[in-house]
Amino acid sequence: MKPIIFEHPYLKQFTKSFAYITEQGAVLIDTGLYSGRGLIESKTGDVKAVLATHGHWDHTGGHAYFQNKGAAIYLQKRDDPIARDLQHQWDLLYEQFAADFDIPEQRRVIYDTEAGS
């Protein structure tokens, strides 16, 4: 069985998510960015489960969306706090470096739009 591969572009970078279609429905490995949820659904149909490789926003942006539609979410316990608290994740990944270099405003806009809820 080959996976369906989804690329989620942002700021000249890509993050990927993968789907496997089973008789019971689709299983995703990561959901990528929030804006990718429509494409994922159009190629997979009913998503039954999401397996998260880690809790960073560019891999979990669609988790809440699919969970609200009934998918089970599987995430490492240590990643749960950062996946559920987007402000904490922003502070951890970006804000701690604000004194060392400028964080482009575009990065915060993309984060707020694509991290999901």
N, C-alpha and C. Protein backbone atom coordinates (compact mmCIF):
# COMPACT_ATOMS: atom_id res chain seq x y z
N MET A 1 0.85 -1.17 0.00
CA MET A 1 0.00 0.00 0.00
C MET A 1 0.90 1.24 0.00
N LYS A 2 0.69 2.10 -0.97
CA LYS A 2 1.46 3.34 -1.05
C LYS A 2 0.68 4.48 -0.39
N PRO A 3 1.40 5.37 0.28
CA PRO A 3 0.70 6.51 0.89
C PRO A 3 0.37 7.58 -0.14
N ILE A 4 -0.64 8.36 0.16
CA ILE A 4 -0.89 9.61 -0.57
C ILE A 4 -0.05 10.66 0.15
N ILE A 5 0.73 11.41 -0.59
CA ILE A 5 1.61 12.41 0.01
C ILE A 5 1.06 13.80 -0.26
N PHE A 6 0.99 14.60 0.80
CA PHE A 6 0.53 15.99 0.70
C PHE A 6 1.68 16.90 1.08
N GLU A 7 1.96 17.90 0.24
CA GLU A 7 2.97 18.91 0.58
C GLU A 7 2.25 20.19 0.96
N HIS A 8 2.69 20.78 2.05
CA HIS A 8 2.10 22.01 2.56
C HIS A 8 3.17 23.11 2.51
N PRO A 9 3.09 24.00 1.52
CA PRO A 9 4.13 25.03 1.38
C PRO A 9 3.90 26.24 2.29
N TYR A 10 4.99 26.76 2.83
CA TYR A 10 4.95 28.05 3.51
C TYR A 10 6.38 28.61 3.55
N LEU A 11 6.50 29.90 3.29
CA LEU A 11 7.78 30.61 3.35
C LEU A 11 8.91 29.85 2.65
N LYS A 12 8.67 29.41 1.44
CA LYS A 12 9.67 28.70 0.63
C LYS A 12 10.11 27.38 1.25
N GLN A 13 9.29 26.82 2.11
CA GLN A 13 9.57 25.53 2.74
C GLN A 13 8.36 24.64 2.54
N PHE A 14 8.52 23.39 2.81
CA PHE A 14 7.41 22.46 2.73
C PHE A 14 7.41 21.57 3.96
N THR A 15 6.24 21.24 4.41
CA THR A 15 6.08 20.18 5.37
C THR A 15 5.17 19.15 4.69
N LYS A 16 5.27 17.92 5.07
CA LYS A 16 4.49 16.89 4.40
C LYS A 16 3.60 16.15 5.39
N SER A 17 2.52 15.64 4.86
CA SER A 17 1.69 14.71 5.60
C SER A 17 1.37 13.56 4.65
N PHE A 18 0.94 12.45 5.24
CA PHE A 18 0.74 11.23 4.47
C PHE A 18 -0.59 10.61 4.86
N ALA A 19 -1.23 9.96 3.91
CA ALA A 19 -2.49 9.27 4.20
C ALA A 19 -2.43 7.85 3.66
N TYR A 20 -2.99 6.96 4.43
CA TYR A 20 -3.20 5.58 4.00
C TYR A 20 -4.71 5.34 4.04
N ILE A 21 -5.22 4.79 2.96
CA ILE A 21 -6.64 4.50 2.88
C ILE A 21 -6.86 3.03 3.26
N THR A 22 -7.71 2.82 4.24
CA THR A 22 -8.03 1.46 4.69
C THR A 22 -9.51 1.20 4.44
N GLU A 23 -9.94 0.00 4.66
CA GLU A 23 -11.36 -0.33 4.50
C GLU A 23 -12.22 0.42 5.51
N GLN A 24 -11.64 0.79 6.66
CA GLN A 24 -12.39 1.50 7.70
C GLN A 24 -12.35 3.02 7.54
N GLY A 25 -11.51 3.54 6.65
CA GLY A 25 -11.35 4.97 6.45
C GLY A 25 -9.88 5.33 6.37
N ALA A 26 -9.61 6.60 6.30
CA ALA A 26 -8.23 7.07 6.13
C ALA A 26 -7.52 7.23 7.46
N VAL A 27 -6.22 6.97 7.41
CA VAL A 27 -5.32 7.22 8.53
C VAL A 27 -4.28 8.22 8.03
N LEU A 28 -4.14 9.33 8.76
CA LEU A 28 -3.16 10.34 8.40
C LEU A 28 -1.94 10.24 9.29
N ILE A 29 -0.79 10.50 8.71
CA ILE A 29 0.42 10.72 9.49
C ILE A 29 0.69 12.20 9.35
N ASP A 30 0.44 12.93 10.42
CA ASP A 30 0.46 14.39 10.46
C ASP A 30 -0.68 14.95 9.61
N THR A 31 -1.06 16.17 9.89
CA THR A 31 -2.09 16.83 9.09
C THR A 31 -1.55 18.03 8.33
N GLY A 32 -0.31 18.41 8.61
CA GLY A 32 0.27 19.56 7.92
C GLY A 32 -0.39 20.85 8.36
N LEU A 33 -0.44 21.81 7.47
CA LEU A 33 -1.00 23.11 7.77
C LEU A 33 -2.52 23.09 7.71
N TYR A 34 -3.14 24.00 8.41
CA TYR A 34 -4.60 24.07 8.48
C TYR A 34 -5.22 24.20 7.09
N SER A 35 -4.60 24.96 6.21
CA SER A 35 -5.17 25.19 4.88
C SER A 35 -5.18 23.94 4.01
N GLY A 36 -4.47 22.90 4.40
CA GLY A 36 -4.42 21.68 3.62
C GLY A 36 -5.56 20.71 3.87
N ARG A 37 -6.42 21.03 4.81
CA ARG A 37 -7.47 20.08 5.22
C ARG A 37 -8.43 19.75 4.08
N GLY A 38 -8.78 20.71 3.24
CA GLY A 38 -9.70 20.46 2.13
C GLY A 38 -9.11 19.51 1.10
N LEU A 39 -7.85 19.71 0.77
CA LEU A 39 -7.18 18.82 -0.18
C LEU A 39 -7.09 17.41 0.40
N ILE A 40 -6.74 17.32 1.67
CA ILE A 40 -6.66 16.01 2.31
C ILE A 40 -8.01 15.30 2.23
N GLU A 41 -9.07 16.00 2.60
CA GLU A 41 -10.40 15.38 2.57
C GLU A 41 -10.81 14.97 1.15
N SER A 42 -10.45 15.78 0.17
CA SER A 42 -10.85 15.46 -1.20
C SER A 42 -10.17 14.19 -1.71
N LYS A 43 -9.01 13.86 -1.17
CA LYS A 43 -8.27 12.68 -1.61
C LYS A 43 -8.46 11.47 -0.72
N THR A 44 -8.96 11.69 0.51
CA THR A 44 -9.02 10.58 1.47
C THR A 44 -10.42 10.18 1.89
N GLY A 45 -11.35 11.10 1.80
CA GLY A 45 -12.68 10.81 2.35
C GLY A 45 -12.66 10.92 3.86
N ASP A 46 -13.29 10.00 4.53
CA ASP A 46 -13.45 10.04 5.98
C ASP A 46 -12.15 9.69 6.70
N VAL A 47 -11.61 10.65 7.44
CA VAL A 47 -10.39 10.42 8.22
C VAL A 47 -10.77 9.84 9.57
N LYS A 48 -10.29 8.65 9.86
CA LYS A 48 -10.62 7.97 11.11
C LYS A 48 -9.58 8.18 12.20
N ALA A 49 -8.32 8.37 11.81
CA ALA A 49 -7.25 8.51 12.81
C ALA A 49 -6.13 9.38 12.26
N VAL A 50 -5.48 10.09 13.18
CA VAL A 50 -4.31 10.90 12.86
C VAL A 50 -3.18 10.49 13.79
N LEU A 51 -2.06 10.14 13.22
CA LEU A 51 -0.86 9.83 13.99
C LEU A 51 0.10 11.00 13.84
N ALA A 52 0.46 11.62 14.95
CA ALA A 52 1.35 12.79 14.91
C ALA A 52 2.79 12.36 15.14
N THR A 53 3.67 12.77 14.24
CA THR A 53 5.09 12.47 14.44
C THR A 53 5.67 13.31 15.57
N HIS A 54 5.20 14.55 15.69
CA HIS A 54 5.59 15.43 16.78
C HIS A 54 4.61 16.60 16.82
N GLY A 55 4.69 17.43 17.85
CA GLY A 55 3.66 18.43 18.10
C GLY A 55 3.85 19.79 17.46
N HIS A 56 4.78 19.98 16.56
CA HIS A 56 4.98 21.30 15.96
C HIS A 56 3.81 21.68 15.06
N TRP A 57 3.49 22.95 15.05
CA TRP A 57 2.32 23.49 14.37
C TRP A 57 2.23 23.15 12.90
N ASP A 58 3.36 23.07 12.22
CA ASP A 58 3.32 22.81 10.78
C ASP A 58 3.05 21.33 10.47
N HIS A 59 2.97 20.52 11.50
CA HIS A 59 2.60 19.11 11.35
C HIS A 59 1.23 18.82 11.96
N THR A 60 0.73 19.73 12.80
CA THR A 60 -0.52 19.49 13.52
C THR A 60 -1.61 20.51 13.22
N GLY A 61 -1.43 21.33 12.20
CA GLY A 61 -2.38 22.42 11.91
C GLY A 61 -3.80 21.97 11.67
N GLY A 62 -4.00 20.76 11.19
CA GLY A 62 -5.35 20.27 10.94
C GLY A 62 -5.87 19.30 11.98
N HIS A 63 -5.10 19.07 13.04
CA HIS A 63 -5.51 18.06 14.03
C HIS A 63 -6.87 18.38 14.66
N ALA A 64 -7.05 19.60 15.13
CA ALA A 64 -8.31 19.95 15.79
C ALA A 64 -9.48 19.81 14.81
N TYR A 65 -9.27 20.21 13.56
CA TYR A 65 -10.32 20.10 12.56
C TYR A 65 -10.76 18.65 12.38
N PHE A 66 -9.79 17.75 12.19
CA PHE A 66 -10.14 16.34 11.98
C PHE A 66 -10.68 15.70 13.26
N GLN A 67 -10.18 16.12 14.40
CA GLN A 67 -10.71 15.61 15.66
C GLN A 67 -12.18 16.01 15.83
N ASN A 68 -12.49 17.25 15.47
CA ASN A 68 -13.88 17.71 15.57
C ASN A 68 -14.80 16.96 14.61
N LYS A 69 -14.24 16.36 13.58
CA LYS A 69 -15.03 15.56 12.64
C LYS A 69 -15.05 14.08 13.02
N GLY A 70 -14.47 13.75 14.17
CA GLY A 70 -14.56 12.39 14.69
C GLY A 70 -13.30 11.55 14.61
N ALA A 71 -12.21 12.08 14.08
CA ALA A 71 -10.97 11.31 13.99
C ALA A 71 -10.31 11.20 15.37
N ALA A 72 -9.74 10.05 15.64
CA ALA A 72 -8.93 9.87 16.85
C ALA A 72 -7.55 10.46 16.59
N ILE A 73 -7.01 11.17 17.56
CA ILE A 73 -5.70 11.80 17.42
C ILE A 73 -4.72 11.07 18.34
N TYR A 74 -3.60 10.65 17.79
CA TYR A 74 -2.56 9.98 18.56
C TYR A 74 -1.31 10.84 18.53
N LEU A 75 -0.91 11.30 19.71
CA LEU A 75 0.20 12.23 19.86
C LEU A 75 1.02 11.80 21.06
N GLN A 76 2.32 11.93 20.97
CA GLN A 76 3.16 11.59 22.11
C GLN A 76 2.80 12.49 23.30
N LYS A 77 2.76 11.90 24.46
CA LYS A 77 2.36 12.64 25.66
C LYS A 77 3.21 13.89 25.86
N ARG A 78 4.50 13.81 25.60
CA ARG A 78 5.38 14.97 25.81
C ARG A 78 5.06 16.12 24.86
N ASP A 79 4.43 15.83 23.71
CA ASP A 79 4.08 16.87 22.74
C ASP A 79 2.70 17.48 22.98
N ASP A 80 1.91 16.87 23.82
CA ASP A 80 0.55 17.33 24.04
C ASP A 80 0.48 18.80 24.47
N PRO A 81 1.29 19.25 25.44
CA PRO A 81 1.17 20.66 25.86
C PRO A 81 1.45 21.66 24.73
N ILE A 82 2.46 21.41 23.90
CA ILE A 82 2.73 22.38 22.84
C ILE A 82 1.71 22.30 21.72
N ALA A 83 1.17 21.12 21.46
CA ALA A 83 0.17 20.98 20.40
C ALA A 83 -1.15 21.64 20.79
N ARG A 84 -1.46 21.66 22.07
CA ARG A 84 -2.74 22.21 22.53
C ARG A 84 -2.68 23.70 22.87
N ASP A 85 -1.52 24.23 23.15
CA ASP A 85 -1.38 25.63 23.55
C ASP A 85 -0.55 26.36 22.49
N LEU A 86 -1.24 26.95 21.52
CA LEU A 86 -0.54 27.56 20.39
C LEU A 86 0.31 28.77 20.78
N GLN A 87 -0.13 29.53 21.78
CA GLN A 87 0.70 30.66 22.21
C GLN A 87 1.99 30.15 22.86
N HIS A 88 1.87 29.11 23.67
CA HIS A 88 3.05 28.50 24.28
C HIS A 88 4.01 28.00 23.19
N GLN A 89 3.45 27.38 22.16
CA GLN A 89 4.29 26.88 21.08
C GLN A 89 4.99 28.02 20.35
N TRP A 90 4.27 29.11 20.08
CA TRP A 90 4.88 30.28 19.44
C TRP A 90 6.03 30.79 20.30
N ASP A 91 5.78 30.94 21.57
CA ASP A 91 6.82 31.43 22.49
C ASP A 91 8.03 30.50 22.49
N LEU A 92 7.79 29.22 22.50
CA LEU A 92 8.86 28.23 22.53
C LEU A 92 9.68 28.23 21.23
N LEU A 93 9.00 28.28 20.10
CA LEU A 93 9.69 28.15 18.81
C LEU A 93 10.25 29.45 18.28
N TYR A 94 9.62 30.58 18.60
CA TYR A 94 10.03 31.85 17.98
C TYR A 94 10.34 32.96 18.96
N GLU A 95 9.41 33.21 19.87
CA GLU A 95 9.54 34.39 20.72
C GLU A 95 10.80 34.37 21.58
N GLN A 96 11.27 33.20 21.95
CA GLN A 96 12.47 33.13 22.77
C GLN A 96 13.69 33.68 22.03
N PHE A 97 13.62 33.75 20.70
CA PHE A 97 14.74 34.25 19.92
C PHE A 97 14.59 35.71 19.51
N ALA A 98 13.50 36.36 19.90
CA ALA A 98 13.20 37.71 19.45
C ALA A 98 14.31 38.70 19.79
N ALA A 99 14.99 38.50 20.89
CA ALA A 99 16.07 39.41 21.27
C ALA A 99 17.31 39.21 20.40
N ASP A 100 17.42 38.05 19.76
CA ASP A 100 18.60 37.73 18.97
C ASP A 100 18.47 38.08 17.49
N PHE A 101 17.26 38.02 16.96
CA PHE A 101 17.05 38.36 15.55
C PHE A 101 15.59 38.71 15.33
N ASP A 102 15.35 39.41 14.21
CA ASP A 102 13.99 39.81 13.88
C ASP A 102 13.19 38.62 13.35
N ILE A 103 12.00 38.50 13.85
CA ILE A 103 11.08 37.49 13.35
C ILE A 103 10.17 38.20 12.35
N PRO A 104 10.21 37.78 11.09
CA PRO A 104 9.38 38.47 10.10
C PRO A 104 7.91 38.44 10.48
N GLU A 105 7.25 39.57 10.30
CA GLU A 105 5.82 39.66 10.61
C GLU A 105 5.02 38.59 9.85
N GLN A 106 5.46 38.28 8.63
CA GLN A 106 4.77 37.28 7.83
C GLN A 106 4.75 35.92 8.53
N ARG A 107 5.79 35.60 9.27
CA ARG A 107 5.82 34.31 9.96
C ARG A 107 4.71 34.24 11.01
N ARG A 108 4.47 35.34 11.74
CA ARG A 108 3.39 35.32 12.75
C ARG A 108 2.03 35.22 12.07
N VAL A 109 1.84 35.92 10.95
CA VAL A 109 0.57 35.84 10.23
C VAL A 109 0.32 34.41 9.76
N ILE A 110 1.32 33.78 9.19
CA ILE A 110 1.19 32.40 8.73
C ILE A 110 0.93 31.48 9.91
N TYR A 111 1.66 31.68 10.98
CA TYR A 111 1.44 30.85 12.18
C TYR A 111 0.01 30.96 12.66
N ASP A 112 -0.49 32.18 12.80
CA ASP A 112 -1.84 32.38 13.32
C ASP A 112 -2.89 31.78 12.38
N THR A 113 -2.62 31.77 11.09
CA THR A 113 -3.58 31.26 10.10
C THR A 113 -3.51 29.75 9.97
N GLU A 114 -2.30 29.19 10.04
CA GLU A 114 -2.09 27.78 9.68
C GLU A 114 -1.95 26.82 10.85
N ALA A 115 -1.81 27.32 12.07
CA ALA A 115 -1.57 26.43 13.21
C ALA A 115 -2.83 25.71 13.67
N GLY A 116 -3.98 26.09 13.15
CA GLY A 116 -5.23 25.45 13.58
C GLY A 116 -5.69 26.02 14.89
N SER A 117 -6.56 25.29 15.57
CA SER A 117 -7.04 25.79 16.86
C SER A 117 -7.30 24.64 17.80
